[in-house]
PDB file of N, CA and C in Angstrom:
ATOM      1  N   SER A   1     -58.899 -42.166 -52.403  1.00  0.00           N
ATOM      2  CA  SER A   1     -58.118 -41.994 -53.614  1.00  0.00           C
ATOM      3  C   SER A   1     -58.865 -41.111 -54.622  1.00  0.00           C
ATOM      4  N   THR A   2     -60.195 -41.195 -54.644  1.00  0.00           N
ATOM      5  CA  THR A   2     -60.976 -40.326 -55.532  1.00  0.00           C
ATOM      6  C   THR A   2     -60.817 -38.874 -55.098  1.00  0.00           C
ATOM      7  N   TRP A   3     -60.828 -38.647 -53.810  1.00  0.00           N
ATOM      8  CA  TRP A   3     -60.677 -37.296 -53.278  1.00  0.00           C
ATOM      9  C   TRP A   3     -59.311 -36.697 -53.655  1.00  0.00           C
ATOM     10  N   VAL A   4     -58.268 -37.480 -53.571  1.00  0.00           N
ATOM     11  CA  VAL A   4     -56.923 -37.030 -53.937  1.00  0.00           C
ATOM     12  C   VAL A   4     -56.884 -36.703 -55.430  1.00  0.00           C
ATOM     13  N   PHE A   5     -57.497 -37.539 -56.242  1.00  0.00           N
ATOM     14  CA  PHE A   5     -57.546 -37.296 -57.688  1.00  0.00           C
ATOM     15  C   PHE A   5     -58.253 -35.980 -57.988  1.00  0.00           C
ATOM     16  N   VAL A   6     -59.364 -35.725 -57.330  1.00  0.00           N
ATOM     17  CA  VAL A   6     -60.116 -34.483 -57.532  1.00  0.00           C
ATOM     18  C   VAL A   6     -59.264 -33.285 -57.121  1.00  0.00           C
ATOM     19  N   GLN A   7     -58.559 -33.382 -56.014  1.00  0.00           N
ATOM     20  CA  GLN A   7     -57.695 -32.288 -55.566  1.00  0.00           C
ATOM     21  C   GLN A   7     -56.569 -32.026 -56.578  1.00  0.00           C
ATOM     22  N   ILE A   8     -55.957 -33.073 -57.081  1.00  0.00           N
ATOM     23  CA  ILE A   8     -54.877 -32.925 -58.067  1.00  0.00           C
ATOM     24  C   ILE A   8     -55.409 -32.267 -59.340  1.00  0.00           C
ATOM     25  N   MET A   9     -56.567 -32.695 -59.803  1.00  0.00           N
ATOM     26  CA  MET A   9     -57.146 -32.129 -61.018  1.00  0.00           C
ATOM     27  C   MET A   9     -57.533 -30.658 -60.809  1.00  0.00           C
ATOM     28  N   THR A  10     -58.019 -30.349 -59.614  1.00  0.00           N
ATOM     29  CA  THR A  10     -58.377 -28.969 -59.297  1.00  0.00           C
ATOM     30  C   THR A  10     -57.138 -28.078 -59.330  1.00  0.00           C
ATOM     31  N   VAL A  11     -56.059 -28.536 -58.743  1.00  0.00           N
ATOM     32  CA  VAL A  11     -54.810 -27.771 -58.736  1.00  0.00           C
ATOM     33  C   VAL A  11     -54.298 -27.588 -60.165  1.00  0.00           C
ATOM     34  N   ARG A  12     -54.340 -28.644 -60.967  1.00  0.00           N
ATOM     35  CA  ARG A  12     -53.896 -28.547 -62.366  1.00  0.00           C
ATOM     36  C   ARG A  12     -54.755 -27.534 -63.137  1.00  0.00           C
ATOM     37  N   LEU A  13     -56.047 -27.580 -62.921  1.00  0.00           N
ATOM     38  CA  LEU A  13     -56.943 -26.651 -63.599  1.00  0.00           C
ATOM     39  C   LEU A  13     -56.634 -25.207 -63.191  1.00  0.00           C
ATOM     40  N   LEU A  14     -56.362 -24.994 -61.922  1.00  0.00           N
ATOM     41  CA  LEU A  14     -56.007 -23.649 -61.460  1.00  0.00           C
ATOM     42  C   LEU A  14     -54.727 -23.153 -62.117  1.00  0.00           C
ATOM     43  N   PHE A  15     -53.730 -24.030 -62.244  1.00  0.00           N
ATOM     44  CA  PHE A  15     -52.489 -23.641 -62.912  1.00  0.00           C
ATOM     45  C   PHE A  15     -52.738 -23.267 -64.372  1.00  0.00           C
ATOM     46  N   VAL A  16     -53.576 -24.031 -65.055  1.00  0.00           N
ATOM     47  CA  VAL A  16     -53.898 -23.738 -66.451  1.00  0.00           C
ATOM     48  C   VAL A  16     -54.612 -22.396 -66.549  1.00  0.00           C
ATOM     49  N   LEU A  17     -55.591 -22.166 -65.674  1.00  0.00           N
ATOM     50  CA  LEU A  17     -56.318 -20.895 -65.682  1.00  0.00           C
ATOM     51  C   LEU A  17     -55.397 -19.713 -65.395  1.00  0.00           C
ATOM     52  N   LEU A  18     -54.504 -19.882 -64.436  1.00  0.00           N
ATOM     53  CA  LEU A  18     -53.556 -18.810 -64.126  1.00  0.00           C
ATOM     54  C   LEU A  18     -52.637 -18.534 -65.307  1.00  0.00           C
ATOM     55  N   ALA A  19     -52.182 -19.579 -65.967  1.00  0.00           N
ATOM     56  CA  ALA A  19     -51.317 -19.399 -67.136  1.00  0.00           C
ATOM     57  C   ALA A  19     -52.047 -18.643 -68.235  1.00  0.00           C
ATOM     58  N   VAL A  20     -53.304 -19.009 -68.493  1.00  0.00           N
ATOM     59  CA  VAL A  20     -54.091 -18.330 -69.519  1.00  0.00           C
ATOM     60  C   VAL A  20     -54.303 -16.867 -69.144  1.00  0.00           C
ATOM     61  N   LEU A  21     -54.646 -16.617 -67.898  1.00  0.00           N
ATOM     62  CA  LEU A  21     -54.865 -15.243 -67.448  1.00  0.00           C
ATOM     63  C   LEU A  21     -53.594 -14.411 -67.545  1.00  0.00           C
ATOM     64  N   CYS A  22     -52.472 -14.978 -67.140  1.00  0.00           N
ATOM     65  CA  CYS A  22     -51.212 -14.244 -67.206  1.00  0.00           C
ATOM     66  C   CYS A  22     -50.847 -13.932 -68.646  1.00  0.00           C
ATOM     67  N   PHE A  23     -51.068 -14.878 -69.549  1.00  0.00           N
ATOM     68  CA  PHE A  23     -50.741 -14.657 -70.956  1.00  0.00           C
ATOM     69  C   PHE A  23     -51.612 -13.563 -71.541  1.00  0.00           C
ATOM     70  N   SER A  24     -52.910 -13.599 -71.265  1.00  0.00           N
ATOM     71  CA  SER A  24     -53.811 -12.610 -71.858  1.00  0.00           C
ATOM     72  C   SER A  24     -53.663 -11.234 -71.223  1.00  0.00           C
ATOM     73  N   CYS A  25     -53.153 -11.160 -69.997  1.00  0.00           N
ATOM     74  CA  CYS A  25     -52.982  -9.871 -69.333  1.00  0.00           C
ATOM     75  C   CYS A  25     -51.625  -9.245 -69.627  1.00  0.00           C
ATOM     76  N   GLU A  26     -50.763  -9.994 -70.292  1.00  0.00           N
ATOM     77  CA  GLU A  26     -49.433  -9.482 -70.592  1.00  0.00           C
ATOM     78  C   GLU A  26     -49.554  -8.164 -71.351  1.00  0.00           C
ATOM     79  N   ALA A  27     -48.968  -7.143 -70.782  1.00  0.00           N
ATOM     80  CA  ALA A  27     -49.088  -5.814 -71.376  1.00  0.00           C
ATOM     81  C   ALA A  27     -48.127  -5.684 -72.546  1.00  0.00           C
ATOM     82  N   LYS A  28     -48.682  -5.567 -73.740  1.00  0.00           N
ATOM     83  CA  LYS A  28     -47.857  -5.298 -74.904  1.00  0.00           C
ATOM     84  C   LYS A  28     -47.491  -3.823 -74.887  1.00  0.00           C
ATOM     85  N   LYS A  29     -46.327  -3.551 -75.400  1.00  0.00           N
ATOM     86  CA  LYS A  29     -45.891  -2.172 -75.568  1.00  0.00           C
ATOM     87  C   LYS A  29     -45.317  -2.050 -76.968  1.00  0.00           C
ATOM     88  N   ALA A  30     -45.424  -0.883 -77.513  1.00  0.00           N
ATOM     89  CA  ALA A  30     -44.848  -0.621 -78.829  1.00  0.00           C
ATOM     90  C   ALA A  30     -44.252   0.772 -78.832  1.00  0.00           C
ATOM     91  N   THR A  31     -43.280   0.966 -79.710  1.00  0.00           N
ATOM     92  CA  THR A  31     -42.799   2.305 -80.009  1.00  0.00           C
ATOM     93  C   THR A  31     -42.994   2.488 -81.509  1.00  0.00           C
ATOM     94  N   ALA A  32     -43.392   3.677 -81.877  1.00  0.00           N
ATOM     95  CA  ALA A  32     -43.671   3.937 -83.286  1.00  0.00           C
ATOM     96  C   ALA A  32     -43.459   5.413 -83.598  1.00  0.00           C
ATOM     97  N   SER A  33     -43.288   5.658 -84.882  1.00  0.00           N
ATOM     98  CA  SER A  33     -43.236   7.017 -85.407  1.00  0.00           C
ATOM     99  C   SER A  33     -44.305   7.116 -86.484  1.00  0.00           C
ATOM    100  N   HIS A  34     -44.745   8.337 -86.760  1.00  0.00           N
ATOM    101  CA  HIS A  34     -45.724   8.486 -87.831  1.00  0.00           C
ATOM    102  C   HIS A  34     -45.575   9.837 -88.509  1.00  0.00           C
ATOM    103  N   ILE A  35     -46.125   9.884 -89.694  1.00  0.00           N
ATOM    104  CA  ILE A  35     -46.244  11.131 -90.442  1.00  0.00           C
ATOM    105  C   ILE A  35     -47.734  11.321 -90.672  1.00  0.00           C
ATOM    106  N   LEU A  36     -48.270  12.427 -90.212  1.00  0.00           N
ATOM    107  CA  LEU A  36     -49.693  12.713 -90.347  1.00  0.00           C
ATOM    108  C   LEU A  36     -49.891  13.839 -91.352  1.00  0.00           C
ATOM    109  N   VAL A  37     -50.739  13.578 -92.347  1.00  0.00           N
ATOM    110  CA  VAL A  37     -51.081  14.597 -93.345  1.00  0.00           C
ATOM    111  C   VAL A  37     -52.595  14.600 -93.550  1.00  0.00           C
ATOM    112  N   LYS A  38     -53.106  15.684 -94.112  1.00  0.00           N
ATOM    113  CA  LYS A  38     -54.557  15.805 -94.309  1.00  0.00           C
ATOM    114  C   LYS A  38     -55.074  15.002 -95.495  1.00  0.00           C
ATOM    115  N   ALA A  39     -54.302  14.934 -96.572  1.00  0.00           N
ATOM    116  CA  ALA A  39     -54.787  14.328 -97.817  1.00  0.00           C
ATOM    117  C   ALA A  39     -54.142  12.963 -98.083  1.00  0.00           C
ATOM    118  N   GLU A  40     -54.957  12.028 -98.530  1.00  0.00           N
ATOM    119  CA  GLU A  40     -54.456  10.697 -98.861  1.00  0.00           C
ATOM    120  C   GLU A  40     -53.421  10.772 -99.988  1.00  0.00           C
ATOM    121  N   ALA A  41     -53.642  11.663-100.952  1.00  0.00           N
ATOM    122  CA  ALA A  41     -52.694  11.807-102.067  1.00  0.00           C
ATOM    123  C   ALA A  41     -51.309  12.216-101.557  1.00  0.00           C
ATOM    124  N   LYS A  42     -51.274  13.095-100.563  1.00  0.00           N
ATOM    125  CA  LYS A  42     -49.989  13.511 -99.981  1.00  0.00           C
ATOM    126  C   LYS A  42     -49.332  12.337 -99.266  1.00  0.00           C
ATOM    127  N   ALA A  43     -50.119  11.548 -98.562  1.00  0.00           N
ATOM    128  CA  ALA A  43     -49.582  10.366 -97.879  1.00  0.00           C
ATOM    129  C   ALA A  43     -48.986   9.387 -98.895  1.00  0.00           C
ATOM    130  N   GLN A  44     -49.675   9.188-100.006  1.00  0.00           N
ATOM    131  CA  GLN A  44     -49.168   8.294-101.057  1.00  0.00           C
ATOM    132  C   GLN A  44     -47.862   8.841-101.648  1.00  0.00           C
ATOM    133  N   GLU A  45     -47.806  10.145-101.857  1.00  0.00           N
ATOM    134  CA  GLU A  45     -46.603  10.789-102.390  1.00  0.00           C
ATOM    135  C   GLU A  45     -45.410  10.564-101.445  1.00  0.00           C
ATOM    136  N   LEU A  46     -45.648  10.762-100.148  1.00  0.00           N
ATOM    137  CA  LEU A  46     -44.588  10.567 -99.158  1.00  0.00           C
ATOM    138  C   LEU A  46     -44.183   9.097 -99.069  1.00  0.00           C
ATOM    139  N   LEU A  47     -45.146   8.200 -99.197  1.00  0.00           N
ATOM    140  CA  LEU A  47     -44.849   6.769 -99.183  1.00  0.00           C
ATOM    141  C   LEU A  47     -43.916   6.413-100.340  1.00  0.00           C
ATOM    142  N   GLU A  48     -44.164   6.980-101.495  1.00  0.00           N
ATOM    143  CA  GLU A  48     -43.293   6.748-102.654  1.00  0.00           C
ATOM    144  C   GLU A  48     -41.874   7.275-102.381  1.00  0.00           C
ATOM    145  N   GLU A  49     -41.799   8.439-101.750  1.00  0.00           N
ATOM    146  CA  GLU A  49     -40.486   8.986-101.398  1.00  0.00           C
ATOM    147  C   GLU A  49     -39.745   8.045-100.449  1.00  0.00           C
ATOM    148  N   LEU A  50     -40.480   7.486 -99.483  1.00  0.00           N
ATOM    149  CA  LEU A  50     -39.868   6.537 -98.541  1.00  0.00           C
ATOM    150  C   LEU A  50     -39.385   5.290 -99.267  1.00  0.00           C
ATOM    151  N   LYS A  51     -40.187   4.792-100.203  1.00  0.00           N
ATOM    152  CA  LYS A  51     -39.799   3.611-100.972  1.00  0.00           C
ATOM    153  C   LYS A  51     -38.550   3.879-101.803  1.00  0.00           C
ATOM    154  N   ASN A  52     -38.345   5.148-102.156  1.00  0.00           N
ATOM    155  CA  ASN A  52     -37.170   5.532-102.944  1.00  0.00           C
ATOM    156  C   ASN A  52     -35.989   5.954-102.068  1.00  0.00           C
ATOM    157  N   GLY A  53     -36.080   5.668-100.774  1.00  0.00           N
ATOM    158  CA  GLY A  53     -34.939   5.887 -99.889  1.00  0.00           C
ATOM    159  C   GLY A  53     -34.959   7.127 -99.022  1.00  0.00           C
ATOM    160  N   ALA A  54     -36.036   7.897 -99.054  1.00  0.00           N
ATOM    161  CA  ALA A  54     -36.107   9.099 -98.206  1.00  0.00           C
ATOM    162  C   ALA A  54     -36.076   8.698 -96.732  1.00  0.00           C
ATOM    163  N   ASP A  55     -35.601   9.605 -95.902  1.00  0.00           N
ATOM    164  CA  ASP A  55     -35.503   9.379 -94.463  1.00  0.00           C
ATOM    165  C   ASP A  55     -36.844   9.681 -93.789  1.00  0.00           C
ATOM    166  N   PHE A  56     -37.372   8.708 -93.046  1.00  0.00           N
ATOM    167  CA  PHE A  56     -38.683   8.845 -92.404  1.00  0.00           C
ATOM    168  C   PHE A  56     -38.721  10.071 -91.487  1.00  0.00           C
ATOM    169  N   ALA A  57     -37.723  10.200 -90.616  1.00  0.00           N
ATOM    170  CA  ALA A  57     -37.715  11.299 -89.647  1.00  0.00           C
ATOM    171  C   ALA A  57     -37.662  12.659 -90.338  1.00  0.00           C
ATOM    172  N   GLU A  58     -36.888  12.745 -91.398  1.00  0.00           N
ATOM    173  CA  GLU A  58     -36.794  14.018 -92.120  1.00  0.00           C
ATOM    174  C   GLU A  58     -38.121  14.379 -92.787  1.00  0.00           C
ATOM    175  N   LEU A  59     -38.782  13.383 -93.382  1.00  0.00           N
ATOM    176  CA  LEU A  59     -40.095  13.649 -93.986  1.00  0.00           C
ATOM    177  C   LEU A  59     -41.111  14.058 -92.925  1.00  0.00           C
ATOM    178  N   ALA A  60     -41.047  13.418 -91.753  1.00  0.00           N
ATOM    179  CA  ALA A  60     -41.960  13.779 -90.659  1.00  0.00           C
ATOM    180  C   ALA A  60     -41.726  15.225 -90.227  1.00  0.00           C
ATOM    181  N   LYS A  61     -40.464  15.605 -90.090  1.00  0.00           N
ATOM    182  CA  LYS A  61     -40.147  16.979 -89.673  1.00  0.00           C
ATOM    183  C   LYS A  61     -40.665  18.001 -90.683  1.00  0.00           C
ATOM    184  N   THR A  62     -40.604  17.642 -91.945  1.00  0.00           N
ATOM    185  CA  THR A  62     -40.979  18.576 -93.009  1.00  0.00           C
ATOM    186  C   THR A  62     -42.476  18.607 -93.290  1.00  0.00           C
ATOM    187  N   HIS A  63     -43.140  17.447 -93.201  1.00  0.00           N
ATOM    188  CA  HIS A  63     -44.514  17.357 -93.698  1.00  0.00           C
ATOM    189  C   HIS A  63     -45.596  17.041 -92.660  1.00  0.00           C
ATOM    190  N   SER A  64     -45.241  16.465 -91.517  1.00  0.00           N
ATOM    191  CA  SER A  64     -46.276  16.019 -90.577  1.00  0.00           C
ATOM    192  C   SER A  64     -46.990  17.193 -89.923  1.00  0.00           C
ATOM    193  N   THR A  65     -48.308  17.074 -89.806  1.00  0.00           N
ATOM    194  CA  THR A  65     -49.102  18.105 -89.127  1.00  0.00           C
ATOM    195  C   THR A  65     -49.231  17.823 -87.628  1.00  0.00           C
ATOM    196  N   CYS A  66     -48.686  16.709 -87.177  1.00  0.00           N
ATOM    197  CA  CYS A  66     -48.719  16.357 -85.758  1.00  0.00           C
ATOM    198  C   CYS A  66     -47.533  17.010 -85.042  1.00  0.00           C
ATOM    199  N   PRO A  67     -47.713  17.452 -83.803  1.00  0.00           N
ATOM    200  CA  PRO A  67     -46.580  18.011 -83.049  1.00  0.00           C
ATOM    201  C   PRO A  67     -45.382  17.061 -82.966  1.00  0.00           C
ATOM    202  N   SER A  68     -45.628  15.744 -83.054  1.00  0.00           N
ATOM    203  CA  SER A  68     -44.520  14.769 -83.004  1.00  0.00           C
ATOM    204  C   SER A  68     -43.597  14.908 -84.208  1.00  0.00           C
ATOM    205  N   GLY A  69     -44.061  15.583 -85.254  1.00  0.00           N
ATOM    206  CA  GLY A  69     -43.226  15.800 -86.429  1.00  0.00           C
ATOM    207  C   GLY A  69     -41.907  16.467 -86.089  1.00  0.00           C
ATOM    208  N   LYS A  70     -41.923  17.345 -85.102  1.00  0.00           N
ATOM    209  CA  LYS A  70     -40.702  18.041 -84.679  1.00  0.00           C
ATOM    210  C   LYS A  70     -39.654  17.064 -84.153  1.00  0.00           C
ATOM    211  N   LYS A  71     -40.118  15.902 -83.676  1.00  0.00           N
ATOM    212  CA  LYS A  71     -39.217  14.859 -83.166  1.00  0.00           C
ATOM    213  C   LYS A  71     -39.060  13.742 -84.198  1.00  0.00           C
ATOM    214  N   GLY A  72     -39.241  14.059 -85.455  1.00  0.00           N
ATOM    215  CA  GLY A  72     -39.114  13.053 -86.498  1.00  0.00           C
ATOM    216  C   GLY A  72     -40.284  12.082 -86.529  1.00  0.00           C
ATOM    217  N   GLY A  73     -41.391  12.473 -85.900  1.00  0.00           N
ATOM    218  CA  GLY A  73     -42.584  11.634 -85.876  1.00  0.00           C
ATOM    219  C   GLY A  73     -42.634  10.668 -84.713  1.00  0.00           C
ATOM    220  N   ALA A  74     -41.601  10.656 -83.871  1.00  0.00           N
ATOM    221  CA  ALA A  74     -41.512   9.687 -82.766  1.00  0.00           C
ATOM    222  C   ALA A  74     -42.625   9.911 -81.742  1.00  0.00           C
ATOM    223  N   LEU A  75     -43.343   8.844 -81.451  1.00  0.00           N
ATOM    224  CA  LEU A  75     -44.444   8.892 -80.489  1.00  0.00           C
ATOM    225  C   LEU A  75     -44.067   8.292 -79.145  1.00  0.00           C
ATOM    226  N   GLY A  76     -42.900   7.699 -79.052  1.00  0.00           N
ATOM    227  CA  GLY A  76     -42.487   7.061 -77.806  1.00  0.00           C
ATOM    228  C   GLY A  76     -43.158   5.709 -77.633  1.00  0.00           C
ATOM    229  N   GLU A  77     -43.161   5.229 -76.389  1.00  0.00           N
ATOM    230  CA  GLU A  77     -43.722   3.914 -76.078  1.00  0.00           C
ATOM    231  C   GLU A  77     -45.158   4.052 -75.592  1.00  0.00           C
ATOM    232  N   PHE A  78     -46.016   3.122 -76.015  1.00  0.00           N
ATOM    233  CA  PHE A  78     -47.410   3.149 -75.587  1.00  0.00           C
ATOM    234  C   PHE A  78     -47.982   1.743 -75.654  1.00  0.00           C
ATOM    235  N   GLY A  79     -49.114   1.557 -75.008  1.00  0.00           N
ATOM    236  CA  GLY A  79     -49.771   0.258 -74.977  1.00  0.00           C
ATOM    237  C   GLY A  79     -51.048   0.247 -75.791  1.00  0.00           C
ATOM    238  N   PRO A  80     -51.645  -0.942 -75.928  1.00  0.00           N
ATOM    239  CA  PRO A  80     -52.904  -1.056 -76.669  1.00  0.00           C
ATOM    240  C   PRO A  80     -53.976  -0.156 -76.061  1.00  0.00           C
ATOM    241  N   GLY A  81     -54.760   0.473 -76.926  1.00  0.00           N
ATOM    242  CA  GLY A  81     -55.856   1.302 -76.462  1.00  0.00           C
ATOM    243  C   GLY A  81     -55.481   2.745 -76.183  1.00  0.00           C
ATOM    244  N   GLN A  82     -54.204   3.083 -76.282  1.00  0.00           N
ATOM    245  CA  GLN A  82     -53.787   4.456 -76.007  1.00  0.00           C
ATOM    246  C   GLN A  82     -53.892   5.350 -77.242  1.00  0.00           C
ATOM    247  N   MET A  83     -54.014   4.740 -78.403  1.00  0.00           N
ATOM    248  CA  MET A  83     -54.155   5.484 -79.654  1.00  0.00           C
ATOM    249  C   MET A  83     -55.533   5.176 -80.243  1.00  0.00           C
ATOM    250  N   VAL A  84     -55.939   5.942 -81.257  1.00  0.00           N
ATOM    251  CA  VAL A  84     -57.222   5.661 -81.899  1.00  0.00           C
ATOM    252  C   VAL A  84     -57.185   4.252 -82.503  1.00  0.00           C
ATOM    253  N   ALA A  85     -58.349   3.631 -82.608  1.00  0.00           N
ATOM    254  CA  ALA A  85     -58.458   2.216 -82.966  1.00  0.00           C
ATOM    255  C   ALA A  85     -57.752   1.843 -84.266  1.00  0.00           C
ATOM    256  N   GLU A  86     -57.922   2.656 -85.305  1.00  0.00           N
ATOM    257  CA  GLU A  86     -57.311   2.328 -86.607  1.00  0.00           C
ATOM    258  C   GLU A  86     -55.786   2.319 -86.509  1.00  0.00           C
ATOM    259  N   PHE A  87     -55.258   3.253 -85.753  1.00  0.00           N
ATOM    260  CA  PHE A  87     -53.813   3.365 -85.550  1.00  0.00           C
ATOM    261  C   PHE A  87     -53.325   2.182 -84.718  1.00  0.00           C
ATOM    262  N   ASP A  88     -54.027   1.921 -83.626  1.00  0.00           N
ATOM    263  CA  ASP A  88     -53.712   0.820 -82.712  1.00  0.00           C
ATOM    264  C   ASP A  88     -53.634  -0.520 -83.439  1.00  0.00           C
ATOM    265  N   LYS A  89     -54.613  -0.757 -84.287  1.00  0.00           N
ATOM    266  CA  LYS A  89     -54.680  -2.032 -85.004  1.00  0.00           C
ATOM    267  C   LYS A  89     -53.416  -2.268 -85.824  1.00  0.00           C
ATOM    268  N   VAL A  90     -52.951  -1.246 -86.494  1.00  0.00           N
ATOM    269  CA  VAL A  90     -51.744  -1.366 -87.309  1.00  0.00           C
ATOM    270  C   VAL A  90     -50.514  -1.551 -86.424  1.00  0.00           C
ATOM    271  N   VAL A  91     -50.374  -0.718 -85.405  1.00  0.00           N
ATOM    272  CA  VAL A  91     -49.184  -0.756 -84.557  1.00  0.00           C
ATOM    273  C   VAL A  91     -49.007  -2.111 -83.881  1.00  0.00           C
ATOM    274  N   PHE A  92     -50.110  -2.749 -83.493  1.00  0.00           N
ATOM    275  CA  PHE A  92     -49.983  -4.009 -82.763  1.00  0.00           C
ATOM    276  C   PHE A  92     -50.140  -5.245 -83.643  1.00  0.00           C
ATOM    277  N   SER A  93     -50.095  -5.056 -84.968  1.00  0.00           N
ATOM    278  CA  SER A  93     -50.164  -6.227 -85.853  1.00  0.00           C
ATOM    279  C   SER A  93     -49.169  -6.171 -87.013  1.00  0.00           C
ATOM    280  N   ALA A  94     -48.752  -4.994 -87.419  1.00  0.00           N
ATOM    281  CA  ALA A  94     -47.886  -4.856 -88.597  1.00  0.00           C
ATOM    282  C   ALA A  94     -46.453  -5.279 -88.287  1.00  0.00           C
ATOM    283  N   PRO A  95     -45.724  -5.666 -89.310  1.00  0.00           N
ATOM    284  CA  PRO A  95     -44.306  -5.990 -89.110  1.00  0.00           C
ATOM    285  C   PRO A  95     -43.527  -4.773 -88.598  1.00  0.00           C
ATOM    286  N   VAL A  96     -42.543  -5.050 -87.767  1.00  0.00           N
ATOM    287  CA  VAL A  96     -41.689  -3.997 -87.212  1.00  0.00           C
ATOM    288  C   VAL A  96     -40.731  -3.509 -88.310  1.00  0.00           C
ATOM    289  N   ASN A  97     -40.473  -2.210 -88.295  1.00  0.00           N
ATOM    290  CA  ASN A  97     -39.532  -1.553 -89.219  1.00  0.00           C
ATOM    291  C   ASN A  97     -39.956  -1.586 -90.685  1.00  0.00           C
ATOM    292  N   GLU A  98     -41.261  -1.668 -90.930  1.00  0.00           N
ATOM    293  CA  GLU A  98     -41.809  -1.546 -92.287  1.00  0.00           C
ATOM    294  C   GLU A  98     -42.888  -0.474 -92.259  1.00  0.00           C
ATOM    295  N   VAL A  99     -42.770   0.500 -93.132  1.00  0.00           N
ATOM    296  CA  VAL A  99     -43.740   1.600 -93.164  1.00  0.00           C
ATOM    297  C   VAL A  99     -45.107   1.061 -93.590  1.00  0.00           C
ATOM    298  N   GLN A 100     -46.136   1.453 -92.862  1.00  0.00           N
ATOM    299  CA  GLN A 100     -47.511   1.039 -93.129  1.00  0.00           C
ATOM    300  C   GLN A 100     -48.345   2.270 -93.487  1.00  0.00           C
ATOM    301  N   GLY A 101     -49.311   2.062 -94.343  1.00  0.00           N
ATOM    302  CA  GLY A 101     -50.234   3.149 -94.625  1.00  0.00           C
ATOM    303  C   GLY A 101     -50.353   3.432 -96.102  1.00  0.00           C
ATOM    304  N   PRO A 102     -51.120   4.442 -96.392  1.00  0.00           N
ATOM    305  CA  PRO A 102     -51.765   5.380 -95.478  1.00  0.00           C
ATOM    306  C   PRO A 102     -52.884   4.714 -94.650  1.00  0.00           C
ATOM    307  N   VAL A 103     -52.956   5.126 -93.393  1.00  0.00           N
ATOM    308  CA  VAL A 103     -53.990   4.670 -92.474  1.00  0.00           C
ATOM    309  C   VAL A 103     -54.860   5.877 -92.150  1.00  0.00           C
ATOM    310  N   LYS A 104     -56.147   5.774 -92.454  1.00  0.00           N
ATOM    311  CA  LYS A 104     -57.071   6.894 -92.225  1.00  0.00           C
ATOM    312  C   LYS A 104     -57.617   6.850 -90.803  1.00  0.00           C
ATOM    313  N   THR A 105     -57.553   7.991 -90.134  1.00  0.00           N
ATOM    314  CA  THR A 105     -58.185   8.163 -88.822  1.00  0.00           C
ATOM    315  C   THR A 105     -58.932   9.490 -88.841  1.00  0.00           C
ATOM    316  N   GLN A 106     -59.535   9.825 -87.734  1.00  0.00           N
ATOM    317  CA  GLN A 106     -60.251  11.097 -87.620  1.00  0.00           C
ATOM    318  C   GLN A 106     -59.312  12.294 -87.775  1.00  0.00           C
ATOM    319  N   PHE A 107     -58.007  12.066 -87.638  1.00  0.00           N
ATOM    320  CA  PHE A 107     -57.036  13.159 -87.702  1.00  0.00           C
ATOM    321  C   PHE A 107     -56.482  13.390 -89.102  1.00  0.00           C
ATOM    322  N   GLY A 108     -56.628  12.395 -89.966  1.00  0.00           N
ATOM    323  CA  GLY A 108     -56.081  12.493 -91.312  1.00  0.00           C
ATOM    324  C   GLY A 108     -55.511  11.156 -91.742  1.00  0.00           C
ATOM    325  N   TYR A 109     -54.427  11.203 -92.515  1.00  0.00           N
ATOM    326  CA  TYR A 109     -53.797   9.998 -93.047  1.00  0.00           C
ATOM    327  C   TYR A 109     -52.403   9.854 -92.455  1.00  0.00           C
ATOM    328  N   HIS A 110     -52.135   8.663 -91.948  1.00  0.00           N
ATOM    329  CA  HIS A 110     -50.865   8.388 -91.283  1.00  0.00           C
ATOM    330  C   HIS A 110     -50.019   7.421 -92.095  1.00  0.00           C
ATOM    331  N   LEU A 111     -48.725   7.660 -92.106  1.00  0.00           N
ATOM    332  CA  LEU A 111     -47.746   6.651 -92.473  1.00  0.00           C
ATOM    333  C   LEU A 111     -47.117   6.254 -91.143  1.00  0.00           C
ATOM    334  N   ILE A 112     -47.123   4.978 -90.851  1.00  0.00           N
ATOM    335  CA  ILE A 112     -46.729   4.497 -89.535  1.00  0.00           C
ATOM    336  C   ILE A 112     -45.509   3.593 -89.659  1.00  0.00           C
ATOM    337  N   LEU A 113     -44.536   3.845 -88.777  1.00  0.00           N
ATOM    338  CA  LEU A 113     -43.351   3.013 -88.694  1.00  0.00           C
ATOM    339  C   LEU A 113     -43.243   2.479 -87.274  1.00  0.00           C
ATOM    340  N   VAL A 114     -43.546   1.194 -87.107  1.00  0.00           N
ATOM    341  CA  VAL A 114     -43.423   0.546 -85.789  1.00  0.00           C
ATOM    342  C   VAL A 114     -41.948   0.226 -85.614  1.00  0.00           C
ATOM    343  N   THR A 115     -41.344   0.767 -84.560  1.00  0.00           N
ATOM    344  CA  THR A 115     -39.915   0.556 -84.348  1.00  0.00           C
ATOM    345  C   THR A 115     -39.600  -0.537 -83.332  1.00  0.00           C
ATOM    346  N   SER A 116     -40.548  -0.871 -82.472  1.00  0.00           N
ATOM    347  CA  SER A 116     -40.386  -2.024 -81.577  1.00  0.00           C
ATOM    348  C   SER A 116     -41.742  -2.424 -81.005  1.00  0.00           C
ATOM    349  N   ARG A 117     -41.804  -3.684 -80.603  1.00  0.00           N
ATOM    350  CA  ARG A 117     -43.033  -4.186 -79.965  1.00  0.00           C
ATOM    351  C   ARG A 117     -42.647  -5.339 -79.061  1.00  0.00           C
ATOM    352  N   THR A 118     -43.207  -5.347 -77.853  1.00  0.00           N
ATOM    353  CA  THR A 118     -42.929  -6.439 -76.924  1.00  0.00           C
ATOM    354  C   THR A 118     -44.204  -7.122 -76.515  1.00  0.00           C
TER     355      THR A 118
END
């Protein structure tokens, strides 16, 4: 009976470990758009325009220095670690559909709009 108990506990422990591993390995994905500018003051100015109702995609097309600006700032879908760390941190923690920033990276200052996350 002790042997059966040990086997049952071992199986239960394996199930718990597998559940933990599956949860931590779950690949998060996000879609986001951004506006990249060189100066923090410009990012703040654009943020104010957004707060006053400006269209994110239109501002990206007009002001972003990133090639994605031509697509309204859309970056498509990506997973953790595919973007620079400062950008990644915001995309995988900020509320969806709320503009974040300015976020400083080696490329400049970003206004980030997370459009979905799984």
